[in-house]
Structures are given as structure tokens and as C-alpha cells.
C-alpha atoms as a PDB file:
ATOM      1  CA  UNK A   1       0.000   0.000   0.000  1.00  0.00           C
ATOM      2  CA  UNK A   2       2.822   2.417   0.895  1.00  0.00           C
ATOM      3  CA  UNK A   3       4.335   2.228  -2.612  1.00  0.00           C
ATOM      4  CA  UNK A   4       1.090   2.386  -4.577  1.00  0.00           C
ATOM      5  CA  UNK A   5       0.797   5.348  -6.976  1.00  0.00           C
ATOM      6  CA  UNK A   6      -1.016   8.301  -5.432  1.00  0.00           C
ATOM      7  CA  UNK A   7      -1.497  11.984  -6.173  1.00  0.00           C
ATOM      8  CA  UNK A   8      -1.811  13.473  -2.674  1.00  0.00           C
ATOM      9  CA  UNK A   9       0.706  13.294   0.163  1.00  0.00           C
ATOM     10  CA  UNK A  10       1.431  14.554   3.673  1.00  0.00           C
ATOM     11  CA  UNK A  11       4.926  15.583   4.758  1.00  0.00           C
ATOM     12  CA  UNK A  12       5.659  16.231   8.436  1.00  0.00           C
ATOM     13  CA  UNK A  13       8.975  17.320   9.880  1.00  0.00           C
ATOM     14  CA  UNK A  14      10.768  18.778  12.866  1.00  0.00           C
ATOM     15  CA  UNK A  15      14.323  20.048  13.079  1.00  0.00           C
ATOM     16  CA  UNK A  16      16.536  22.731  14.590  1.00  0.00           C
ATOM     17  CA  UNK A  17      15.191  26.098  13.463  1.00  0.00           C
ATOM     18  CA  UNK A  18      17.297  27.972  10.905  1.00  0.00           C
ATOM     19  CA  UNK A  19      16.941  30.010   7.751  1.00  0.00           C
ATOM     20  CA  UNK A  20      15.878  28.300   4.549  1.00  0.00           C
ATOM     21  CA  UNK A  21      13.777  25.372   5.760  1.00  0.00           C
ATOM     22  CA  UNK A  22      10.512  26.417   4.105  1.00  0.00           C
ATOM     23  CA  UNK A  23      12.377  27.409   0.945  1.00  0.00           C
ATOM     24  CA  UNK A  24      14.129  24.039   0.757  1.00  0.00           C
ATOM     25  CA  UNK A  25      10.884  22.105   1.235  1.00  0.00           C
ATOM     26  CA  UNK A  26       8.897  24.136  -1.288  1.00  0.00           C
ATOM     27  CA  UNK A  27      11.752  24.080  -3.806  1.00  0.00           C
ATOM     28  CA  UNK A  28      11.951  20.293  -3.653  1.00  0.00           C
ATOM     29  CA  UNK A  29       8.218  19.969  -4.203  1.00  0.00           C
ATOM     30  CA  UNK A  30       8.249  22.386  -7.139  1.00  0.00           C
ATOM     31  CA  UNK A  31      11.136  20.588  -8.848  1.00  0.00           C
ATOM     32  CA  UNK A  32       9.302  17.264  -8.532  1.00  0.00           C
ATOM     33  CA  UNK A  33       6.124  18.621 -10.106  1.00  0.00           C
ATOM     34  CA  UNK A  34       4.142  18.925  -6.875  1.00  0.00           C
ATOM     35  CA  UNK A  35       1.735  21.620  -5.692  1.00  0.00           C
ATOM     36  CA  UNK A  36       1.334  22.625  -2.040  1.00  0.00           C
ATOM     37  CA  UNK A  37      -2.340  22.638  -1.007  1.00  0.00           C
ATOM     38  CA  UNK A  38      -1.922  23.247   2.728  1.00  0.00           C
ATOM     39  CA  UNK A  39       1.090  24.212   4.813  1.00  0.00           C
ATOM     40  CA  UNK A  40       1.369  24.929   8.517  1.00  0.00           C
ATOM     41  CA  UNK A  41       4.463  25.590  10.571  1.00  0.00           C
ATOM     42  CA  UNK A  42       5.581  26.567  14.049  1.00  0.00           C
ATOM     43  CA  UNK A  43       8.849  27.838  15.471  1.00  0.00           C
ATOM     44  CA  UNK A  44       9.299  27.112  19.173  1.00  0.00           C
ATOM     45  CA  UNK A  45      11.557  29.815  20.557  1.00  0.00           C
ATOM     46  CA  UNK A  46      11.861  27.932  23.855  1.00  0.00           C
ATOM     47  CA  UNK A  47      13.367  24.795  22.320  1.00  0.00           C
ATOM     48  CA  UNK A  48      14.805  26.243  19.108  1.00  0.00           C
ATOM     49  CA  UNK A  49      12.895  23.677  17.043  1.00  0.00           C
ATOM     50  CA  UNK A  50      10.865  24.127  13.864  1.00  0.00           C
ATOM     51  CA  UNK A  51       7.788  22.053  13.006  1.00  0.00           C
ATOM     52  CA  UNK A  52       5.961  21.743   9.686  1.00  0.00           C
ATOM     53  CA  UNK A  53       3.090  19.821   8.097  1.00  0.00           C
ATOM     54  CA  UNK A  54       2.538  20.056   4.341  1.00  0.00           C
ATOM     55  CA  UNK A  55      -0.197  18.480   2.258  1.00  0.00           C
ATOM     56  CA  UNK A  56       0.642  18.486  -1.427  1.00  0.00           C
ATOM     57  CA  UNK A  57      -0.438  16.930  -4.712  1.00  0.00           C
ATOM     58  CA  UNK A  58       1.513  15.597  -7.645  1.00  0.00           C
ATOM     59  CA  UNK A  59       0.482  16.469 -11.177  1.00  0.00           C
ATOM     60  CA  UNK A  60       0.715  12.783 -12.042  1.00  0.00           C
ATOM     61  CA  UNK A  61       0.346   9.687  -9.819  1.00  0.00           C
ATOM     62  CA  UNK A  62       3.615   9.484  -7.916  1.00  0.00           C
ATOM     63  CA  UNK A  63       5.531   6.710  -6.175  1.00  0.00           C
ATOM     64  CA  UNK A  64       5.925   7.548  -2.484  1.00  0.00           C
ATOM     65  CA  UNK A  65       9.267   5.736  -2.371  1.00  0.00           C
ATOM     66  CA  UNK A  66      10.649   7.977  -5.117  1.00  0.00           C
ATOM     67  CA  UNK A  67       9.466  11.081  -3.259  1.00  0.00           C
ATOM     68  CA  UNK A  68      11.016   9.843  -0.015  1.00  0.00           C
ATOM     69  CA  UNK A  69      14.308   8.979  -1.679  1.00  0.00           C
ATOM     70  CA  UNK A  70      14.445  12.409  -3.281  1.00  0.00           C
ATOM     71  CA  UNK A  71      13.607  14.281  -0.094  1.00  0.00           C
ATOM     72  CA  UNK A  72      16.217  12.423   1.977  1.00  0.00           C
ATOM     73  CA  UNK A  73      18.968  14.860   0.963  1.00  0.00           C
ATOM     74  CA  UNK A  74      16.851  17.819   2.120  1.00  0.00           C
ATOM     75  CA  UNK A  75      16.110  16.069   5.395  1.00  0.00           C
ATOM     76  CA  UNK A  76      19.765  15.273   6.024  1.00  0.00           C
ATOM     77  CA  UNK A  77      20.935  18.814   5.294  1.00  0.00           C
ATOM     78  CA  UNK A  78      18.605  20.258   7.947  1.00  0.00           C
ATOM     79  CA  UNK A  79      18.863  17.329  10.407  1.00  0.00           C
ATOM     80  CA  UNK A  80      15.136  16.716  10.058  1.00  0.00           C
ATOM     81  CA  UNK A  81      13.019  14.088  11.739  1.00  0.00           C
ATOM     82  CA  UNK A  82      10.523  13.657   8.908  1.00  0.00           C
ATOM     83  CA  UNK A  83       7.849  11.386   7.450  1.00  0.00           C
ATOM     84  CA  UNK A  84       6.100  11.337   4.078  1.00  0.00           C
ATOM     85  CA  UNK A  85       2.931   9.345   3.470  1.00  0.00           C
ATOM     86  CA  UNK A  86       0.102   9.147   0.916  1.00  0.00           C
ATOM     87  CA  UNK A  87      -2.736  11.316   2.211  1.00  0.00           C
ATOM     88  CA  UNK A  88      -5.273   8.539   1.706  1.00  0.00           C
ATOM     89  CA  UNK A  89      -3.212   5.962   3.617  1.00  0.00           C
ATOM     90  CA  UNK A  90      -5.276   4.698   6.548  1.00  0.00           C
ATOM     91  CA  UNK A  91      -3.245   4.191   9.698  1.00  0.00           C
ATOM     92  CA  UNK A  92      -3.343   0.687  11.143  1.00  0.00           C
ATOM     93  CA  UNK A  93      -4.065   0.688  14.865  1.00  0.00           C
ATOM     94  CA  UNK A  94      -4.642  -1.744  17.746  1.00  0.00           C
ATOM     95  CA  UNK A  95      -7.109  -1.055  20.563  1.00  0.00           C
ATOM     96  CA  UNK A  96      -6.393  -2.262  24.109  1.00  0.00           C
ATOM     97  CA  UNK A  97      -9.208  -2.495  26.660  1.00  0.00           C
ATOM     98  CA  UNK A  98      -9.945  -4.032  30.055  1.00  0.00           C
ATOM     99  CA  UNK A  99     -13.428  -3.933  31.606  1.00  0.00           C
ATOM    100  CA  UNK A 100     -14.764  -0.481  30.647  1.00  0.00           C
ATOM    101  CA  UNK A 101     -15.900  -0.518  27.021  1.00  0.00           C
ATOM    102  CA  UNK A 102     -17.215   2.988  26.296  1.00  0.00           C
ATOM    103  CA  UNK A 103     -14.070   4.231  24.541  1.00  0.00           C
ATOM    104  CA  UNK A 104     -13.660   0.950  22.681  1.00  0.00           C
ATOM    105  CA  UNK A 105     -17.237   1.015  21.391  1.00  0.00           C
ATOM    106  CA  UNK A 106     -16.926   4.674  20.411  1.00  0.00           C
ATOM    107  CA  UNK A 107     -13.706   4.140  18.416  1.00  0.00           C
ATOM    108  CA  UNK A 108     -15.055   1.019  16.711  1.00  0.00           C
ATOM    109  CA  UNK A 109     -18.144   2.911  15.571  1.00  0.00           C
ATOM    110  CA  UNK A 110     -16.218   5.984  14.433  1.00  0.00           C
ATOM    111  CA  UNK A 111     -13.833   3.830  12.413  1.00  0.00           C
ATOM    112  CA  UNK A 112     -16.685   1.934  10.747  1.00  0.00           C
ATOM    113  CA  UNK A 113     -18.603   5.138   9.951  1.00  0.00           C
ATOM    114  CA  UNK A 114     -15.533   6.722   8.364  1.00  0.00           C
ATOM    115  CA  UNK A 115     -15.099   9.402  11.031  1.00  0.00           C
ATOM    116  CA  UNK A 116     -11.622   8.048  11.813  1.00  0.00           C
ATOM    117  CA  UNK A 117      -9.122   7.417   8.972  1.00  0.00           C
ATOM    118  CA  UNK A 118      -7.872   4.165  10.513  1.00  0.00           C
ATOM    119  CA  UNK A 119      -7.930   0.432   9.999  1.00  0.00           C
ATOM    120  CA  UNK A 120      -8.347  -1.395  13.304  1.00  0.00           C
ATOM    121  CA  UNK A 121      -6.131  -4.467  13.042  1.00  0.00           C
ATOM    122  CA  UNK A 122      -7.154  -6.015  16.360  1.00  0.00           C
ATOM    123  CA  UNK A 123      -8.650  -5.562  19.803  1.00  0.00           C
ATOM    124  CA  UNK A 124      -6.457  -6.854  22.632  1.00  0.00           C
ATOM    125  CA  UNK A 125      -7.713  -7.316  26.173  1.00  0.00           C
ATOM    126  CA  UNK A 126      -6.668  -8.885  29.450  1.00  0.00           C
ATOM    127  CA  UNK A 127     -10.311  -9.956  29.844  1.00  0.00           C
ATOM    128  CA  UNK A 128     -12.875 -11.563  27.536  1.00  0.00           C
ATOM    129  CA  UNK A 129     -15.763  -9.145  28.192  1.00  0.00           C
ATOM    130  CA  UNK A 130     -15.643  -7.451  24.768  1.00  0.00           C
ATOM    131  CA  UNK A 131     -14.874 -10.378  22.490  1.00  0.00           C
ATOM    132  CA  UNK A 132     -18.433 -10.331  21.121  1.00  0.00           C
ATOM    133  CA  UNK A 133     -18.361  -6.572  20.602  1.00  0.00           C
ATOM    134  CA  UNK A 134     -15.162  -6.834  18.557  1.00  0.00           C
ATOM    135  CA  UNK A 135     -16.638  -9.720  16.565  1.00  0.00           C
ATOM    136  CA  UNK A 136     -19.773  -7.670  15.775  1.00  0.00           C
ATOM    137  CA  UNK A 137     -17.493  -5.160  14.017  1.00  0.00           C
ATOM    138  CA  UNK A 138     -15.529  -7.928  12.301  1.00  0.00           C
ATOM    139  CA  UNK A 139     -12.349  -7.118  14.241  1.00  0.00           C
ATOM    140  CA  UNK A 140     -10.003  -9.904  15.468  1.00  0.00           C
ATOM    141  CA  UNK A 141      -9.979 -10.222  19.260  1.00  0.00           C
ATOM    142  CA  UNK A 142      -6.954 -11.367  21.263  1.00  0.00           C
ATOM    143  CA  UNK A 143      -7.312 -12.379  24.902  1.00  0.00           C
ATOM    144  CA  UNK A 144      -3.951 -11.769  26.563  1.00  0.00           C
ATOM    145  CA  UNK A 145      -4.232 -12.288  30.342  1.00  0.00           C
ATOM    146  CA  UNK A 146      -1.887 -10.254  32.534  1.00  0.00           C
ATOM    147  CA  UNK A 147      -0.610 -11.247  35.964  1.00  0.00           C
ATOM    148  CA  UNK A 148       2.568 -10.191  37.746  1.00  0.00           C
ATOM    149  CA  UNK A 149       4.140 -13.454  36.582  1.00  0.00           C
ATOM    150  CA  UNK A 150       2.965 -13.182  32.942  1.00  0.00           C
ATOM    151  CA  UNK A 151       3.314  -9.425  32.364  1.00  0.00           C
ATOM    152  CA  UNK A 152       6.537  -9.736  30.348  1.00  0.00           C
ATOM    153  CA  UNK A 153       5.085 -12.506  28.186  1.00  0.00           C
ATOM    154  CA  UNK A 154       1.857 -10.536  27.682  1.00  0.00           C
ATOM    155  CA  UNK A 155       3.757  -7.463  26.490  1.00  0.00           C
ATOM    156  CA  UNK A 156       5.853  -9.654  24.191  1.00  0.00           C
ATOM    157  CA  UNK A 157       2.627 -10.991  22.673  1.00  0.00           C
ATOM    158  CA  UNK A 158       1.266  -7.470  22.237  1.00  0.00           C
ATOM    159  CA  UNK A 159       4.477  -6.412  20.504  1.00  0.00           C
ATOM    160  CA  UNK A 160       4.252  -9.478  18.266  1.00  0.00           C
ATOM    161  CA  UNK A 161       0.733  -8.459  17.189  1.00  0.00           C
ATOM    162  CA  UNK A 162       1.879  -4.886  16.558  1.00  0.00           C
ATOM    163  CA  UNK A 163       4.783  -6.029  14.378  1.00  0.00           C
ATOM    164  CA  UNK A 164       2.849  -8.764  12.573  1.00  0.00           C
ATOM    165  CA  UNK A 165      -0.043  -6.455  11.707  1.00  0.00           C
ATOM    166  CA  UNK A 166       2.184  -3.493  10.710  1.00  0.00           C
ATOM    167  CA  UNK A 167       0.506  -1.367  13.366  1.00  0.00           C
ATOM    168  CA  UNK A 168       1.535   2.290  13.725  1.00  0.00           C
ATOM    169  CA  UNK A 169      -0.529   3.203  16.784  1.00  0.00           C
ATOM    170  CA  UNK A 170      -1.598   1.440  19.979  1.00  0.00           C
ATOM    171  CA  UNK A 171      -4.612   2.985  21.728  1.00  0.00           C
ATOM    172  CA  UNK A 172      -5.255   2.286  25.397  1.00  0.00           C
ATOM    173  CA  UNK A 173      -9.050   2.539  25.364  1.00  0.00           C
ATOM    174  CA  UNK A 174      -9.343   2.217  29.137  1.00  0.00           C
ATOM    175  CA  UNK A 175      -6.720  -0.521  29.383  1.00  0.00           C
ATOM    176  CA  UNK A 176      -6.076  -0.799  33.106  1.00  0.00           C
ATOM    177  CA  UNK A 177      -2.528  -2.106  33.034  1.00  0.00           C
ATOM    178  CA  UNK A 178       0.691  -0.141  33.488  1.00  0.00           C
ATOM    179  CA  UNK A 179       2.902  -0.357  30.392  1.00  0.00           C
ATOM    180  CA  UNK A 180       6.501  -1.280  31.197  1.00  0.00           C
ATOM    181  CA  UNK A 181       9.363   1.152  30.627  1.00  0.00           C
ATOM    182  CA  UNK A 182      10.819  -1.162  27.990  1.00  0.00           C
ATOM    183  CA  UNK A 183       7.612  -1.289  25.922  1.00  0.00           C
ATOM    184  CA  UNK A 184       7.208   2.496  26.271  1.00  0.00           C
ATOM    185  CA  UNK A 185      10.656   2.926  24.753  1.00  0.00           C
ATOM    186  CA  UNK A 186      10.038   0.441  21.933  1.00  0.00           C
ATOM    187  CA  UNK A 187       6.757   2.137  20.990  1.00  0.00           C
ATOM    188  CA  UNK A 188       7.710   5.712  21.850  1.00  0.00           C
ATOM    189  CA  UNK A 189       5.242   8.160  20.336  1.00  0.00           C
ATOM    190  CA  UNK A 190       3.026   5.261  19.222  1.00  0.00           C
ATOM    191  CA  UNK A 191       0.848   4.687  22.308  1.00  0.00           C
ATOM    192  CA  UNK A 192      -2.044   6.960  23.262  1.00  0.00           C
ATOM    193  CA  UNK A 193      -3.842   6.726  26.613  1.00  0.00           C
ATOM    194  CA  UNK A 194      -6.923   8.394  28.081  1.00  0.00           C
ATOM    195  CA  UNK A 195      -7.516   9.256  31.725  1.00  0.00           C
ATOM    196  CA  UNK A 196      -9.764  11.488  33.761  1.00  0.00           C
ATOM    197  CA  UNK A 197      -8.251  14.901  34.374  1.00  0.00           C
ATOM    198  CA  UNK A 198      -8.768  14.752  38.132  1.00  0.00           C
ATOM    199  CA  UNK A 199      -5.266  13.323  38.380  1.00  0.00           C
ATOM    200  CA  UNK A 200      -3.354  13.827  40.548  1.00  0.00           C
ATOM    201  CA  UNK A 201      -6.087  15.182  42.840  1.00  0.00           C
ATOM    202  CA  UNK A 202      -8.189  12.018  42.875  1.00  0.00           C
ATOM    203  CA  UNK A 203      -5.977   8.984  42.410  1.00  0.00           C
ATOM    204  CA  UNK A 204      -6.887   5.415  43.203  1.00  0.00           C
ATOM    205  CA  UNK A 205     -10.289   3.748  43.243  1.00  0.00           C
ATOM    206  CA  UNK A 206     -13.525   5.536  42.349  1.00  0.00           C
ATOM    207  CA  UNK A 207     -12.118   8.942  41.355  1.00  0.00           C
ATOM    208  CA  UNK A 208     -15.568  10.270  40.421  1.00  0.00           C
ATOM    209  CA  UNK A 209     -16.895   9.398  43.868  1.00  0.00           C
ATOM    210  CA  UNK A 210     -13.929  11.267  45.362  1.00  0.00           C
ATOM    211  CA  UNK A 211     -14.671  14.201  43.071  1.00  0.00           C
ATOM    212  CA  UNK A 212     -18.334  14.185  44.090  1.00  0.00           C
ATOM    213  CA  UNK A 213     -17.361  14.287  47.729  1.00  0.00           C
ATOM    214  CA  UNK A 214     -15.248  17.391  47.034  1.00  0.00           C
ATOM    215  CA  UNK A 215     -17.993  19.113  45.018  1.00  0.00           C
ATOM    216  CA  UNK A 216     -16.130  19.442  41.710  1.00  0.00           C
ATOM    217  CA  UNK A 217     -17.578  21.764  39.086  1.00  0.00           C
ATOM    218  CA  UNK A 218     -15.705  20.445  36.034  1.00  0.00           C
ATOM    219  CA  UNK A 219     -15.353  16.929  34.674  1.00  0.00           C
ATOM    220  CA  UNK A 220     -12.284  16.457  32.495  1.00  0.00           C
ATOM    221  CA  UNK A 221     -10.321  13.951  30.460  1.00  0.00           C
ATOM    222  CA  UNK A 222      -6.822  14.005  29.001  1.00  0.00           C
ATOM    223  CA  UNK A 223      -5.494  12.065  26.000  1.00  0.00           C
ATOM    224  CA  UNK A 224      -1.716  11.774  25.986  1.00  0.00           C
ATOM    225  CA  UNK A 225       1.200   9.744  24.717  1.00  0.00           C
ATOM    226  CA  UNK A 226       2.381   7.014  27.062  1.00  0.00           C
ATOM    227  CA  UNK A 227       5.820   7.364  28.615  1.00  0.00           C
ATOM    228  CA  UNK A 228       7.629   5.673  31.466  1.00  0.00           C
ATOM    229  CA  UNK A 229       6.269   8.388  33.790  1.00  0.00           C
ATOM    230  CA  UNK A 230       2.738   7.221  34.601  1.00  0.00           C
ATOM    231  CA  UNK A 231       0.074   9.563  33.150  1.00  0.00           C
ATOM    232  CA  UNK A 232       2.718  12.255  32.575  1.00  0.00           C
ATOM    233  CA  UNK A 233       3.252  11.871  28.807  1.00  0.00           C
ATOM    234  CA  UNK A 234       2.901  14.685  26.242  1.00  0.00           C
ATOM    235  CA  UNK A 235      -0.714  15.869  26.098  1.00  0.00           C
ATOM    236  CA  UNK A 236      -2.546  15.689  22.758  1.00  0.00           C
ATOM    237  CA  UNK A 237      -6.065  16.753  23.702  1.00  0.00           C
ATOM    238  CA  UNK A 238      -8.224  17.596  26.711  1.00  0.00           C
ATOM    239  CA  UNK A 239     -11.979  17.938  27.135  1.00  0.00           C
ATOM    240  CA  UNK A 240     -14.127  19.287  29.959  1.00  0.00           C
ATOM    241  CA  UNK A 241     -17.803  19.425  30.916  1.00  0.00           C
ATOM    242  CA  UNK A 242     -19.281  21.695  33.577  1.00  0.00           C
ATOM    243  CA  UNK A 243     -21.317  19.862  36.230  1.00  0.00           C
ATOM    244  CA  UNK A 244     -23.473  20.903  39.162  1.00  0.00           C
ATOM    245  CA  UNK A 245     -24.170  19.912  42.730  1.00  0.00           C
ATOM    246  CA  UNK A 246     -27.285  17.981  41.743  1.00  0.00           C
ATOM    247  CA  UNK A 247     -25.402  15.179  39.974  1.00  0.00           C
ATOM    248  CA  UNK A 248     -24.831  11.901  41.774  1.00  0.00           C
ATOM    249  CA  UNK A 249     -21.515  10.015  41.608  1.00  0.00           C
ATOM    250  CA  UNK A 250     -23.064   7.676  39.037  1.00  0.00           C
ATOM    251  CA  UNK A 251     -24.120  10.630  36.888  1.00  0.00           C
ATOM    252  CA  UNK A 252     -20.611  12.074  37.126  1.00  0.00           C
ATOM    253  CA  UNK A 253     -19.269   8.737  35.880  1.00  0.00           C
ATOM    254  CA  UNK A 254     -21.620   8.918  32.880  1.00  0.00           C
ATOM    255  CA  UNK A 255     -20.494  12.470  32.066  1.00  0.00           C
ATOM    256  CA  UNK A 256     -16.891  11.374  32.463  1.00  0.00           C
ATOM    257  CA  UNK A 257     -17.326   8.527  30.006  1.00  0.00           C
ATOM    258  CA  UNK A 258     -18.638  10.889  27.328  1.00  0.00           C
ATOM    259  CA  UNK A 259     -15.787  13.328  27.919  1.00  0.00           C
ATOM    260  CA  UNK A 260     -13.214  10.529  27.735  1.00  0.00           C
ATOM    261  CA  UNK A 261     -14.648   9.304  24.428  1.00  0.00           C
ATOM    262  CA  UNK A 262     -14.519  12.775  22.885  1.00  0.00           C
ATOM    263  CA  UNK A 263     -10.944  13.533  23.940  1.00  0.00           C
ATOM    264  CA  UNK A 264      -9.601  10.128  22.921  1.00  0.00           C
ATOM    265  CA  UNK A 265     -11.369  10.131  19.542  1.00  0.00           C
ATOM    266  CA  UNK A 266      -9.937  13.525  18.647  1.00  0.00           C
ATOM    267  CA  UNK A 267      -6.445  12.492  19.723  1.00  0.00           C
ATOM    268  CA  UNK A 268      -6.600   9.331  17.605  1.00  0.00           C
ATOM    269  CA  UNK A 269      -7.988  11.270  14.641  1.00  0.00           C
ATOM    270  CA  UNK A 270      -5.304  13.951  14.780  1.00  0.00           C
ATOM    271  CA  UNK A 271      -2.526  11.409  15.218  1.00  0.00           C
ATOM    272  CA  UNK A 272      -3.795   9.281  12.336  1.00  0.00           C
ATOM    273  CA  UNK A 273      -4.004  12.394  10.143  1.00  0.00           C
ATOM    274  CA  UNK A 274      -0.367  13.076  11.084  1.00  0.00           C
ATOM    275  CA  UNK A 275      -1.187  16.392  12.714  1.00  0.00           C
ATOM    276  CA  UNK A 276       0.662  15.734  15.994  1.00  0.00           C
ATOM    277  CA  UNK A 277       4.405  16.223  16.365  1.00  0.00           C
ATOM    278  CA  UNK A 278       6.333  15.562  19.563  1.00  0.00           C
ATOM    279  CA  UNK A 279       8.091  18.549  21.106  1.00  0.00           C
ATOM    280  CA  UNK A 280       9.900  17.181  24.148  1.00  0.00           C
ATOM    281  CA  UNK A 281       7.341  16.854  26.942  1.00  0.00           C
ATOM    282  CA  UNK A 282       4.773  18.728  24.843  1.00  0.00           C
ATOM    283  CA  UNK A 283       3.114  18.315  21.456  1.00  0.00           C
ATOM    284  CA  UNK A 284       2.548  20.502  18.430  1.00  0.00           C
ATOM    285  CA  UNK A 285      -0.943  19.857  17.053  1.00  0.00           C
ATOM    286  CA  UNK A 286      -1.671  21.347  13.624  1.00  0.00           C
ATOM    287  CA  UNK A 287      -5.391  21.950  13.164  1.00  0.00           C
END
């Protein structure tokens, strides 16, 4: 699929900021018979880095490998971290879930309806609760139990599925297991998690009940990349909903589920559209 002829592409890059980057990119595209349709860029004066996302078309169906090979010299000269993909290439993803299925169901439906430009290669879970749900969408389901004694083997199996299915993104759709430091490093920038934004105020069991007891006025959720620091990875998207004193803990949970679904779906969409670039502990998200 990656080498199939196409006429529309997305180039993303980051590099040390200096004069001539935009000129070099646009000059390469012009000399290869391409036309820029959309271009967005950002210079971070704090880090000295430059970020860019370009969507362009070729006058004739082009081979992505030829475009990549040609752009390599430009990338090397500016020390770029860059990627170039056909714009219509659907990102292959894997969804991980435990016993709360609202985010899983939401992502499955959005993918089927075309709202997410992804192909879901598999659903992986440490429980069997959502095997039938995955089957109803025609998605392979893998039951991979996790115990302290089998955690290493379970992560090895997950990595095997990721490699075998050519997966670019792993989504923790309320997967209630801590990812090891080693797996975080192997899949750096390729794992997205969702959690309620009460952290660190309301850690542990029943955070919404804790929030209710404290009379919170906002329900929130944060979608972020997974790193070795638990729930501290670069933030992609956040969502909030104002709530009142009249809501019960159960009603707060229901509001929280909706907020989690919205934040996670947007994060997955933006990542799969190659709009998110890592900037140290932060992200650059091109709208």
C-alpha cells in the first residue's frame, strides 16, 4: 500500500530552526512537479525547534518511495526528523481495553462510519468481556491475560501483534494495566492513553466518587502519549464538561465517560491524520 501510486501526500517534519527550511521544502516539491495545497508551521523559541506539516499533490500519480528517496537529501541537510505518506493511507491501529468498554465502542463505531481514517487491526484485552463486541465489528480479538508473573510474556505478545499487523498506533481505550518502561521505549510516540483529568487530585479507586465528595464543578479527560512516567506523557487533547451539585456520583461517571470518548477520539484522529508532532514533553498539534 505504501508504494502504490497516489497523487496526494502529507509531509511532516521537525528540526533545529534555521533560515531556509521552508524554501528548501517548497523548492523540492516544485522541482518534482508537486503543488502545495496546505502548509502549517511553528517555530518554538523555547526549544529552538521548527515544526511543519505540508499536504501536497503531484500532477501525475507518484511513487511515495521515489518522493522519499528524493527528499532524503533535504532532510539530512537540515537534520530533520521527517515522514512522508500518501494522504489517503489509513493508519493501522490496535485497541487495548480491560473492563470499561465505552471508549472501545466509540472508536469502533467511528472507524466503521468513516469518522476516523484508521484500519483497526485487532482488539487486545486482558479480559474476555468485549470479544463479542469486537466480533460484531468484524475485528479480530486477542485475549492476553496479565498477571505479575505473565506481564513480560503478555507485552511480548502485544508487541508481536503490533509487528505482525504493521501497526503504527496502539490505543489504550481504558486498558487498566501499566505499560513497562521497555515497551514504552520500543513504541515511543506510538501509544495513546486516556484518563480522567482529576489526576493527581483524585488517584486510586472511584475517582468520580472522590470528586463528588469534594464538590467538583468540572469533569475532564486528558489524552496523551504514554511514557515511562505514569500519566505524565505529552498531552494531545483535553476535554471538559461543567457539572453541578445535583449530579450523583453515578451521573458524574456517565459524564466522564462521554468526555473521555470525545478527547480520545480527537487524539486518535489527529494522530492518524499526522497532525501531531512531539516537542519534548509537549506536542505541536496542527489543526
